[in-house]
N, C-alpha and C. Protein backbone atom coordinates (compact mmCIF):
# COMPACT_ATOMS: atom_id res chain seq x y z
N MET A 1 141.60 116.96 156.37
CA MET A 1 140.80 115.76 156.25
C MET A 1 140.67 115.11 157.63
N HIS A 2 139.45 114.84 158.01
CA HIS A 2 139.20 114.18 159.30
C HIS A 2 139.07 112.68 159.06
N ASP A 3 139.89 111.91 159.74
CA ASP A 3 139.83 110.46 159.65
C ASP A 3 139.42 109.91 161.01
N PRO A 4 138.23 109.31 161.11
CA PRO A 4 137.77 108.80 162.40
C PRO A 4 138.64 107.65 162.93
N ASP A 5 139.48 107.09 162.08
CA ASP A 5 140.33 105.98 162.47
C ASP A 5 141.75 106.42 162.87
N ARG A 6 142.02 107.72 162.81
CA ARG A 6 143.39 108.22 163.00
C ARG A 6 144.01 107.75 164.31
N HIS A 7 143.25 107.87 165.41
CA HIS A 7 143.79 107.49 166.72
C HIS A 7 144.15 106.00 166.77
N LEU A 8 143.26 105.15 166.26
CA LEU A 8 143.54 103.71 166.26
C LEU A 8 144.72 103.38 165.35
N VAL A 9 144.82 104.08 164.22
CA VAL A 9 145.93 103.85 163.30
C VAL A 9 147.26 104.19 163.99
N GLU A 10 147.29 105.32 164.67
CA GLU A 10 148.53 105.71 165.36
C GLU A 10 148.90 104.68 166.43
N ARG A 11 147.92 104.19 167.16
CA ARG A 11 148.19 103.16 168.17
C ARG A 11 148.68 101.87 167.51
N ALA A 12 148.06 101.50 166.38
CA ALA A 12 148.47 100.28 165.67
C ALA A 12 149.90 100.42 165.14
N LYS A 13 150.23 101.60 164.64
CA LYS A 13 151.59 101.84 164.14
C LYS A 13 152.61 101.77 165.27
N ALA A 14 152.17 102.05 166.48
CA ALA A 14 153.05 101.99 167.65
C ALA A 14 153.16 100.56 168.21
N GLY A 15 152.48 99.62 167.53
CA GLY A 15 152.59 98.22 167.94
C GLY A 15 151.42 97.68 168.73
N ASP A 16 150.36 98.45 168.89
CA ASP A 16 149.19 98.02 169.65
C ASP A 16 148.33 97.11 168.76
N ARG A 17 148.46 95.81 168.97
CA ARG A 17 147.69 94.85 168.15
C ARG A 17 146.19 94.97 168.39
N GLY A 18 145.82 95.31 169.61
CA GLY A 18 144.41 95.49 169.93
C GLY A 18 143.78 96.62 169.13
N ALA A 19 144.55 97.68 168.91
CA ALA A 19 144.05 98.81 168.10
C ALA A 19 143.82 98.36 166.67
N PHE A 20 144.77 97.57 166.14
CA PHE A 20 144.56 97.08 164.78
C PHE A 20 143.37 96.13 164.74
N GLY A 21 143.21 95.33 165.77
CA GLY A 21 142.05 94.44 165.85
C GLY A 21 140.74 95.21 165.79
N LYS A 22 140.70 96.36 166.47
CA LYS A 22 139.50 97.21 166.42
C LYS A 22 139.28 97.75 165.01
N LEU A 23 140.36 98.15 164.34
CA LEU A 23 140.24 98.62 162.95
C LEU A 23 139.73 97.51 162.05
N ALA A 24 140.29 96.32 162.22
CA ALA A 24 139.87 95.18 161.41
C ALA A 24 138.40 94.85 161.63
N THR A 25 137.98 94.86 162.89
CA THR A 25 136.57 94.58 163.21
C THR A 25 135.66 95.65 162.61
N ARG A 26 136.07 96.89 162.73
CA ARG A 26 135.28 98.02 162.23
C ARG A 26 135.09 97.95 160.71
N HIS A 27 136.11 97.48 160.00
CA HIS A 27 136.07 97.54 158.54
C HIS A 27 135.94 96.18 157.85
N TYR A 28 135.78 95.11 158.62
CA TYR A 28 135.74 93.78 158.03
C TYR A 28 134.64 93.64 156.97
N GLU A 29 133.44 94.10 157.30
CA GLU A 29 132.33 93.93 156.35
C GLU A 29 132.60 94.64 155.03
N LEU A 30 133.23 95.81 155.11
CA LEU A 30 133.60 96.54 153.91
C LEU A 30 134.61 95.74 153.08
N VAL A 31 135.63 95.20 153.73
CA VAL A 31 136.66 94.42 153.04
C VAL A 31 136.04 93.19 152.39
N TYR A 32 135.21 92.49 153.14
CA TYR A 32 134.54 91.30 152.59
C TYR A 32 133.63 91.66 151.43
N ALA A 33 132.86 92.73 151.57
CA ALA A 33 131.91 93.12 150.52
C ALA A 33 132.64 93.49 149.23
N VAL A 34 133.76 94.17 149.34
CA VAL A 34 134.55 94.51 148.15
C VAL A 34 135.06 93.22 147.50
N ALA A 35 135.61 92.33 148.29
CA ALA A 35 136.13 91.07 147.75
C ALA A 35 135.02 90.25 147.10
N PHE A 36 133.88 90.18 147.77
CA PHE A 36 132.77 89.41 147.22
C PHE A 36 132.26 90.05 145.93
N GLY A 37 132.19 91.38 145.91
CA GLY A 37 131.72 92.06 144.72
C GLY A 37 132.60 91.80 143.51
N VAL A 38 133.89 91.71 143.72
CA VAL A 38 134.82 91.45 142.61
C VAL A 38 134.83 89.97 142.24
N LEU A 39 134.84 89.10 143.26
CA LEU A 39 135.01 87.67 143.01
C LEU A 39 133.71 86.91 142.83
N GLY A 40 132.66 87.34 143.52
CA GLY A 40 131.37 86.69 143.38
C GLY A 40 131.27 85.31 144.00
N ASN A 41 132.19 84.99 144.89
CA ASN A 41 132.21 83.68 145.51
C ASN A 41 132.51 83.86 146.99
N ARG A 42 131.66 83.31 147.83
CA ARG A 42 131.77 83.52 149.28
C ARG A 42 133.11 83.05 149.84
N GLU A 43 133.51 81.82 149.51
CA GLU A 43 134.74 81.27 150.06
C GLU A 43 135.96 82.06 149.62
N ASP A 44 136.02 82.40 148.33
CA ASP A 44 137.14 83.19 147.82
C ASP A 44 137.16 84.57 148.47
N ALA A 45 135.99 85.16 148.66
CA ALA A 45 135.90 86.49 149.28
C ALA A 45 136.37 86.44 150.73
N LEU A 46 136.03 85.38 151.44
CA LEU A 46 136.50 85.23 152.83
C LEU A 46 138.02 85.14 152.87
N ASP A 47 138.59 84.36 151.95
CA ASP A 47 140.05 84.22 151.88
C ASP A 47 140.71 85.56 151.56
N VAL A 48 140.16 86.28 150.58
CA VAL A 48 140.74 87.57 150.18
C VAL A 48 140.58 88.60 151.29
N ALA A 49 139.46 88.58 151.99
CA ALA A 49 139.28 89.53 153.10
C ALA A 49 140.35 89.30 154.16
N GLN A 50 140.61 88.05 154.48
CA GLN A 50 141.64 87.72 155.46
C GLN A 50 143.02 88.15 154.94
N GLU A 51 143.28 87.87 153.66
CA GLU A 51 144.55 88.26 153.05
C GLU A 51 144.74 89.78 153.07
N ALA A 52 143.69 90.53 152.74
CA ALA A 52 143.77 91.99 152.71
C ALA A 52 144.02 92.56 154.10
N LEU A 53 143.33 92.04 155.10
CA LEU A 53 143.55 92.52 156.47
C LEU A 53 144.94 92.17 156.98
N MET A 54 145.43 90.99 156.61
CA MET A 54 146.79 90.62 157.00
C MET A 54 147.81 91.54 156.34
N LYS A 55 147.59 91.86 155.08
CA LYS A 55 148.50 92.77 154.38
C LYS A 55 148.46 94.16 155.03
N ALA A 56 147.27 94.62 155.37
CA ALA A 56 147.16 95.93 156.02
C ALA A 56 147.89 95.92 157.37
N PHE A 57 147.76 94.83 158.11
CA PHE A 57 148.43 94.71 159.40
C PHE A 57 149.96 94.77 159.22
N LEU A 58 150.44 94.02 158.23
CA LEU A 58 151.89 93.95 158.01
C LEU A 58 152.46 95.26 157.44
N GLU A 59 151.59 96.02 156.76
CA GLU A 59 152.07 97.24 156.10
C GLU A 59 151.54 98.53 156.74
N ILE A 60 151.01 98.44 157.94
CA ILE A 60 150.44 99.62 158.60
C ILE A 60 151.47 100.74 158.72
N GLN A 61 152.73 100.40 158.85
CA GLN A 61 153.77 101.42 158.95
C GLN A 61 153.88 102.24 157.66
N LYS A 62 153.49 101.67 156.54
CA LYS A 62 153.56 102.37 155.25
C LYS A 62 152.41 103.35 155.05
N PHE A 63 151.37 103.24 155.88
CA PHE A 63 150.23 104.15 155.75
C PHE A 63 150.67 105.54 156.20
N GLN A 64 150.63 106.49 155.27
CA GLN A 64 151.12 107.84 155.53
C GLN A 64 150.05 108.81 155.99
N GLY A 65 148.79 108.41 155.88
CA GLY A 65 147.71 109.30 156.30
C GLY A 65 147.34 110.34 155.25
N GLU A 66 147.80 110.14 154.01
CA GLU A 66 147.45 111.07 152.92
C GLU A 66 146.00 110.89 152.48
N SER A 67 145.43 109.75 152.82
CA SER A 67 144.01 109.48 152.58
C SER A 67 143.48 108.92 153.89
N LYS A 68 142.18 108.70 153.94
CA LYS A 68 141.61 108.06 155.13
C LYS A 68 142.05 106.60 155.18
N PHE A 69 142.13 106.06 156.37
CA PHE A 69 142.50 104.66 156.54
C PHE A 69 141.55 103.78 155.74
N ARG A 70 140.26 104.11 155.78
CA ARG A 70 139.25 103.33 155.06
C ARG A 70 139.57 103.26 153.57
N THR A 71 139.97 104.38 152.98
CA THR A 71 140.30 104.42 151.56
C THR A 71 141.52 103.56 151.29
N TRP A 72 142.52 103.65 152.15
CA TRP A 72 143.73 102.84 152.01
C TRP A 72 143.37 101.36 152.07
N LEU A 73 142.51 100.98 153.01
CA LEU A 73 142.09 99.60 153.15
C LEU A 73 141.25 99.14 151.95
N TYR A 74 140.39 100.02 151.43
CA TYR A 74 139.65 99.74 150.20
C TYR A 74 140.62 99.37 149.09
N ARG A 75 141.65 100.18 148.93
CA ARG A 75 142.63 99.98 147.86
C ARG A 75 143.30 98.62 148.02
N ILE A 76 143.72 98.27 149.22
CA ILE A 76 144.34 96.97 149.47
C ILE A 76 143.35 95.85 149.13
N SER A 77 142.10 96.02 149.54
CA SER A 77 141.07 95.00 149.31
C SER A 77 140.80 94.81 147.82
N VAL A 78 140.66 95.90 147.10
CA VAL A 78 140.40 95.82 145.66
C VAL A 78 141.56 95.13 144.96
N ASN A 79 142.78 95.54 145.29
CA ASN A 79 143.95 94.93 144.65
C ASN A 79 144.06 93.44 144.96
N ALA A 80 143.80 93.07 146.20
CA ALA A 80 143.86 91.65 146.58
C ALA A 80 142.78 90.85 145.84
N ALA A 81 141.60 91.42 145.69
CA ALA A 81 140.51 90.73 144.99
C ALA A 81 140.82 90.60 143.50
N ILE A 82 141.34 91.64 142.90
CA ILE A 82 141.70 91.58 141.48
C ILE A 82 142.82 90.56 141.27
N ASP A 83 143.81 90.57 142.14
CA ASP A 83 144.90 89.58 142.04
C ASP A 83 144.35 88.16 142.15
N ALA A 84 143.44 87.94 143.09
CA ALA A 84 142.84 86.61 143.26
C ALA A 84 142.03 86.22 142.04
N SER A 85 141.34 87.18 141.46
CA SER A 85 140.55 86.92 140.27
C SER A 85 141.45 86.52 139.10
N ARG A 86 142.59 87.15 139.00
CA ARG A 86 143.53 86.82 137.92
C ARG A 86 144.17 85.46 138.15
N ARG A 87 144.44 85.12 139.40
CA ARG A 87 145.05 83.83 139.71
C ARG A 87 144.12 82.67 139.41
N LYS A 88 142.85 82.90 139.65
CA LYS A 88 141.87 81.83 139.51
C LYS A 88 140.73 82.31 138.65
N ARG A 89 140.70 81.84 137.44
CA ARG A 89 139.60 82.21 136.56
C ARG A 89 138.31 81.75 137.22
N PRO A 90 137.29 82.60 137.23
CA PRO A 90 136.05 82.21 137.92
C PRO A 90 135.47 80.91 137.37
N THR A 91 135.28 79.96 138.28
CA THR A 91 134.66 78.70 137.88
C THR A 91 133.23 78.62 138.40
N GLU A 92 132.93 79.49 139.35
CA GLU A 92 131.59 79.54 139.90
C GLU A 92 130.98 80.88 139.56
N PRO A 93 129.70 80.94 139.30
CA PRO A 93 129.07 82.21 138.94
C PRO A 93 128.99 83.18 140.11
N ILE A 94 128.82 84.45 139.79
CA ILE A 94 128.60 85.47 140.80
C ILE A 94 127.34 85.11 141.57
N GLU A 95 127.44 85.11 142.89
CA GLU A 95 126.28 84.78 143.71
C GLU A 95 125.29 85.94 143.74
N GLU A 96 124.09 85.65 144.17
CA GLU A 96 123.03 86.65 144.24
C GLU A 96 123.44 87.83 145.09
N ARG A 97 123.21 89.06 144.62
CA ARG A 97 123.60 90.27 145.33
C ARG A 97 122.40 91.00 145.94
N ILE A 98 121.23 90.79 145.41
CA ILE A 98 120.07 91.54 145.86
C ILE A 98 119.00 90.56 146.32
N ASP A 99 118.47 90.79 147.49
CA ASP A 99 117.39 89.96 147.98
C ASP A 99 116.10 90.50 147.39
N LEU A 100 115.54 89.74 146.47
CA LEU A 100 114.33 90.18 145.77
C LEU A 100 113.06 89.73 146.47
N ARG A 101 113.17 89.22 147.71
CA ARG A 101 112.00 88.66 148.39
C ARG A 101 111.25 89.71 149.21
N ALA A 102 110.70 90.73 148.58
CA ALA A 102 109.91 91.74 149.29
C ALA A 102 108.58 91.11 149.74
N HIS A 103 108.10 90.17 148.98
CA HIS A 103 106.91 89.41 149.34
C HIS A 103 107.14 87.97 148.90
N GLU A 104 106.31 87.07 149.33
CA GLU A 104 106.46 85.67 148.97
C GLU A 104 106.06 85.48 147.50
N PRO A 105 107.02 85.20 146.62
CA PRO A 105 106.70 85.10 145.20
C PRO A 105 106.00 83.78 144.87
N SER A 106 105.26 83.83 143.80
CA SER A 106 104.63 82.60 143.31
C SER A 106 105.73 81.75 142.67
N PRO A 107 105.46 80.47 142.44
CA PRO A 107 106.47 79.62 141.78
C PRO A 107 106.89 80.18 140.42
N ARG A 108 105.96 80.75 139.70
CA ARG A 108 106.28 81.33 138.39
C ARG A 108 107.19 82.54 138.54
N GLU A 109 106.88 83.41 139.52
CA GLU A 109 107.74 84.59 139.77
C GLU A 109 109.13 84.16 140.20
N GLU A 110 109.19 83.16 141.07
CA GLU A 110 110.49 82.68 141.55
C GLU A 110 111.31 82.10 140.41
N ALA A 111 110.70 81.36 139.53
CA ALA A 111 111.42 80.82 138.37
C ALA A 111 111.93 81.94 137.48
N HIS A 112 111.11 82.97 137.29
CA HIS A 112 111.51 84.12 136.47
C HIS A 112 112.69 84.85 137.12
N ARG A 113 112.63 85.04 138.42
CA ARG A 113 113.71 85.72 139.14
C ARG A 113 115.01 84.92 139.06
N ARG A 114 114.90 83.60 139.22
CA ARG A 114 116.10 82.75 139.10
C ARG A 114 116.71 82.88 137.71
N GLU A 115 115.87 82.94 136.72
CA GLU A 115 116.36 83.08 135.34
C GLU A 115 117.09 84.42 135.16
N ILE A 116 116.50 85.49 135.69
CA ILE A 116 117.12 86.82 135.57
C ILE A 116 118.44 86.86 136.33
N ARG A 117 118.45 86.33 137.56
CA ARG A 117 119.70 86.30 138.34
C ARG A 117 120.78 85.52 137.60
N GLY A 118 120.37 84.42 136.99
CA GLY A 118 121.34 83.62 136.23
C GLY A 118 121.92 84.40 135.06
N LEU A 119 121.06 85.14 134.36
CA LEU A 119 121.53 85.95 133.24
C LEU A 119 122.51 87.02 133.71
N VAL A 120 122.18 87.68 134.82
CA VAL A 120 123.07 88.72 135.35
C VAL A 120 124.38 88.11 135.81
N ARG A 121 124.32 86.97 136.52
CA ARG A 121 125.55 86.29 136.96
C ARG A 121 126.44 85.95 135.78
N ASN A 122 125.84 85.39 134.75
CA ASN A 122 126.62 85.02 133.57
C ASN A 122 127.25 86.24 132.91
N ALA A 123 126.48 87.32 132.83
CA ALA A 123 126.99 88.55 132.21
C ALA A 123 128.14 89.13 133.05
N LEU A 124 128.00 89.16 134.37
CA LEU A 124 129.06 89.68 135.23
C LEU A 124 130.33 88.83 135.14
N ASP A 125 130.15 87.53 134.99
CA ASP A 125 131.31 86.63 134.89
C ASP A 125 132.14 86.93 133.64
N LEU A 126 131.52 87.53 132.63
CA LEU A 126 132.22 87.82 131.38
C LEU A 126 133.04 89.10 131.44
N LEU A 127 132.80 89.94 132.46
CA LEU A 127 133.52 91.21 132.57
C LEU A 127 134.93 90.98 133.11
N SER A 128 135.82 91.86 132.75
CA SER A 128 137.18 91.80 133.30
C SER A 128 137.10 92.18 134.78
N PRO A 129 138.11 91.79 135.56
CA PRO A 129 138.11 92.18 136.98
C PRO A 129 138.05 93.69 137.16
N GLU A 130 138.72 94.44 136.29
CA GLU A 130 138.72 95.91 136.40
C GLU A 130 137.32 96.47 136.19
N HIS A 131 136.60 95.95 135.19
CA HIS A 131 135.24 96.45 134.94
C HIS A 131 134.28 96.01 136.04
N ARG A 132 134.44 94.79 136.50
CA ARG A 132 133.58 94.31 137.59
C ARG A 132 133.84 95.14 138.85
N THR A 133 135.10 95.46 139.12
CA THR A 133 135.46 96.26 140.29
C THR A 133 134.82 97.63 140.24
N ILE A 134 134.92 98.30 139.10
CA ILE A 134 134.33 99.64 138.94
C ILE A 134 132.83 99.58 139.21
N LEU A 135 132.16 98.58 138.63
CA LEU A 135 130.71 98.45 138.85
C LEU A 135 130.38 98.19 140.31
N VAL A 136 131.14 97.34 140.96
CA VAL A 136 130.89 97.02 142.37
C VAL A 136 131.05 98.27 143.23
N LEU A 137 132.15 99.00 143.03
CA LEU A 137 132.39 100.18 143.86
C LEU A 137 131.32 101.24 143.64
N ARG A 138 130.88 101.42 142.41
CA ARG A 138 129.90 102.46 142.11
C ARG A 138 128.46 102.03 142.43
N GLU A 139 128.08 100.87 141.94
CA GLU A 139 126.67 100.45 142.02
C GLU A 139 126.33 99.77 143.34
N TRP A 140 127.22 98.96 143.88
CA TRP A 140 126.89 98.24 145.12
C TRP A 140 127.34 99.01 146.35
N HIS A 141 128.51 99.65 146.27
CA HIS A 141 129.01 100.39 147.43
C HIS A 141 128.72 101.88 147.34
N GLU A 142 128.20 102.31 146.21
CA GLU A 142 127.77 103.70 145.99
C GLU A 142 128.85 104.73 146.29
N LEU A 143 130.09 104.40 145.91
CA LEU A 143 131.17 105.37 146.07
C LEU A 143 131.05 106.44 144.99
N SER A 144 131.48 107.63 145.31
CA SER A 144 131.50 108.71 144.33
C SER A 144 132.65 108.46 143.35
N TYR A 145 132.65 109.18 142.23
CA TYR A 145 133.74 109.05 141.27
C TYR A 145 135.07 109.42 141.94
N ASP A 146 135.06 110.46 142.78
CA ASP A 146 136.28 110.87 143.47
C ASP A 146 136.78 109.77 144.40
N GLU A 147 135.88 109.13 145.14
CA GLU A 147 136.27 108.06 146.05
C GLU A 147 136.83 106.86 145.29
N ILE A 148 136.21 106.54 144.15
CA ILE A 148 136.71 105.43 143.34
C ILE A 148 138.09 105.76 142.79
N ALA A 149 138.26 106.99 142.31
CA ALA A 149 139.56 107.42 141.77
C ALA A 149 140.64 107.31 142.84
N GLU A 150 140.32 107.75 144.05
CA GLU A 150 141.29 107.68 145.14
C GLU A 150 141.59 106.23 145.51
N THR A 151 140.55 105.40 145.57
CA THR A 151 140.73 104.00 145.93
C THR A 151 141.59 103.26 144.92
N LEU A 152 141.31 103.48 143.63
CA LEU A 152 142.03 102.75 142.59
C LEU A 152 143.28 103.49 142.11
N GLN A 153 143.49 104.68 142.64
CA GLN A 153 144.63 105.52 142.26
C GLN A 153 144.66 105.78 140.75
N ILE A 154 143.51 106.23 140.26
CA ILE A 154 143.39 106.62 138.85
C ILE A 154 142.68 107.96 138.79
N GLU A 155 142.69 108.58 137.63
CA GLU A 155 142.03 109.87 137.45
C GLU A 155 140.51 109.69 137.40
N VAL A 156 139.78 110.74 137.77
CA VAL A 156 138.32 110.71 137.75
C VAL A 156 137.82 110.43 136.33
N GLY A 157 138.48 111.01 135.34
CA GLY A 157 138.11 110.77 133.95
C GLY A 157 138.23 109.29 133.58
N THR A 158 139.25 108.65 134.12
CA THR A 158 139.44 107.21 133.87
C THR A 158 138.32 106.43 134.53
N VAL A 159 137.91 106.84 135.72
CA VAL A 159 136.79 106.18 136.40
C VAL A 159 135.55 106.28 135.52
N MET A 160 135.28 107.47 135.04
CA MET A 160 134.08 107.69 134.22
C MET A 160 134.13 106.83 132.95
N SER A 161 135.29 106.79 132.33
CA SER A 161 135.45 106.01 131.10
C SER A 161 135.28 104.52 131.37
N ARG A 162 135.95 104.02 132.40
CA ARG A 162 135.83 102.58 132.72
C ARG A 162 134.41 102.21 133.11
N LEU A 163 133.77 103.08 133.85
CA LEU A 163 132.39 102.81 134.26
C LEU A 163 131.47 102.77 133.03
N PHE A 164 131.68 103.70 132.12
CA PHE A 164 130.88 103.72 130.89
C PHE A 164 131.05 102.41 130.13
N TYR A 165 132.30 102.00 129.93
CA TYR A 165 132.56 100.77 129.18
C TYR A 165 132.12 99.52 129.95
N ALA A 166 132.24 99.55 131.27
CA ALA A 166 131.78 98.41 132.07
C ALA A 166 130.27 98.24 131.92
N ARG A 167 129.55 99.34 132.00
CA ARG A 167 128.09 99.28 131.84
C ARG A 167 127.72 98.82 130.43
N LYS A 168 128.46 99.33 129.45
CA LYS A 168 128.20 98.96 128.06
C LYS A 168 128.45 97.46 127.85
N LYS A 169 129.57 96.96 128.37
CA LYS A 169 129.88 95.54 128.22
C LYS A 169 128.87 94.67 128.97
N LEU A 170 128.42 95.13 130.12
CA LEU A 170 127.42 94.39 130.87
C LEU A 170 126.12 94.33 130.07
N ALA A 171 125.72 95.45 129.51
CA ALA A 171 124.49 95.49 128.70
C ALA A 171 124.62 94.57 127.48
N GLU A 172 125.79 94.61 126.83
CA GLU A 172 126.01 93.74 125.67
C GLU A 172 125.95 92.27 126.07
N ALA A 173 126.59 91.94 127.19
CA ALA A 173 126.58 90.57 127.66
C ALA A 173 125.18 90.12 128.05
N LEU A 174 124.43 91.02 128.69
CA LEU A 174 123.05 90.68 129.04
C LEU A 174 122.21 90.49 127.78
N GLY A 175 122.40 91.35 126.80
CA GLY A 175 121.67 91.22 125.54
C GLY A 175 121.98 89.92 124.83
N ALA A 176 123.25 89.53 124.82
CA ALA A 176 123.64 88.28 124.19
C ALA A 176 123.08 87.10 124.96
N ASN A 177 123.09 87.18 126.29
CA ASN A 177 122.55 86.09 127.11
C ASN A 177 121.06 85.92 126.88
N VAL A 178 120.35 87.02 126.76
CA VAL A 178 118.90 86.96 126.54
C VAL A 178 118.60 86.32 125.20
N LYS A 179 119.43 86.64 124.19
CA LYS A 179 119.24 86.11 122.85
C LYS A 179 119.82 84.69 122.70
N GLY A 180 120.55 84.24 123.72
CA GLY A 180 121.15 82.91 123.66
C GLY A 180 122.41 82.88 122.84
N GLU A 181 123.04 84.04 122.62
CA GLU A 181 124.26 84.12 121.82
C GLU A 181 125.47 84.01 122.74
N VAL A 182 126.60 83.81 122.14
CA VAL A 182 127.87 83.85 122.86
C VAL A 182 128.47 85.23 122.58
N PRO A 183 128.69 86.07 123.62
CA PRO A 183 129.22 87.42 123.39
C PRO A 183 130.62 87.40 122.85
């Protein structure tokens, strides 16, 4: 397995803080995006990204190189985001994830888009952190089933099963939201 971060990791393990700083800079957007995808809140995601990078810095000696550094950091980020989600029940809805402004929409189109985004936010808020995480890793970060399994340290079959149920629950929640029901 070729890990493009191997040299920096070895330097960081030897105590080179600058090397870890380069790793953190290189992967910050990934860490933040994972946290935001799970939490749906900018401020919480910023806090979790900082927490995940601090944990990686403090535990760099534990990284054995059995996976890529990026995968190890993904795992730390996902776990930190799920822990944060459990500590604080979401009080704010998932923020917009897709910029739908390909052209300047009419006021009617904009109102319709806001309504759809609100329905999706509400539906995502109803999912468990585990289901939201699986959807984020697969749909937003486009990880393969194998990459998700490695990141979450679960079997590929479990990834497939959780993803199936996450999509099903999202569809049910969206259907209930459209009908005005409580899921």
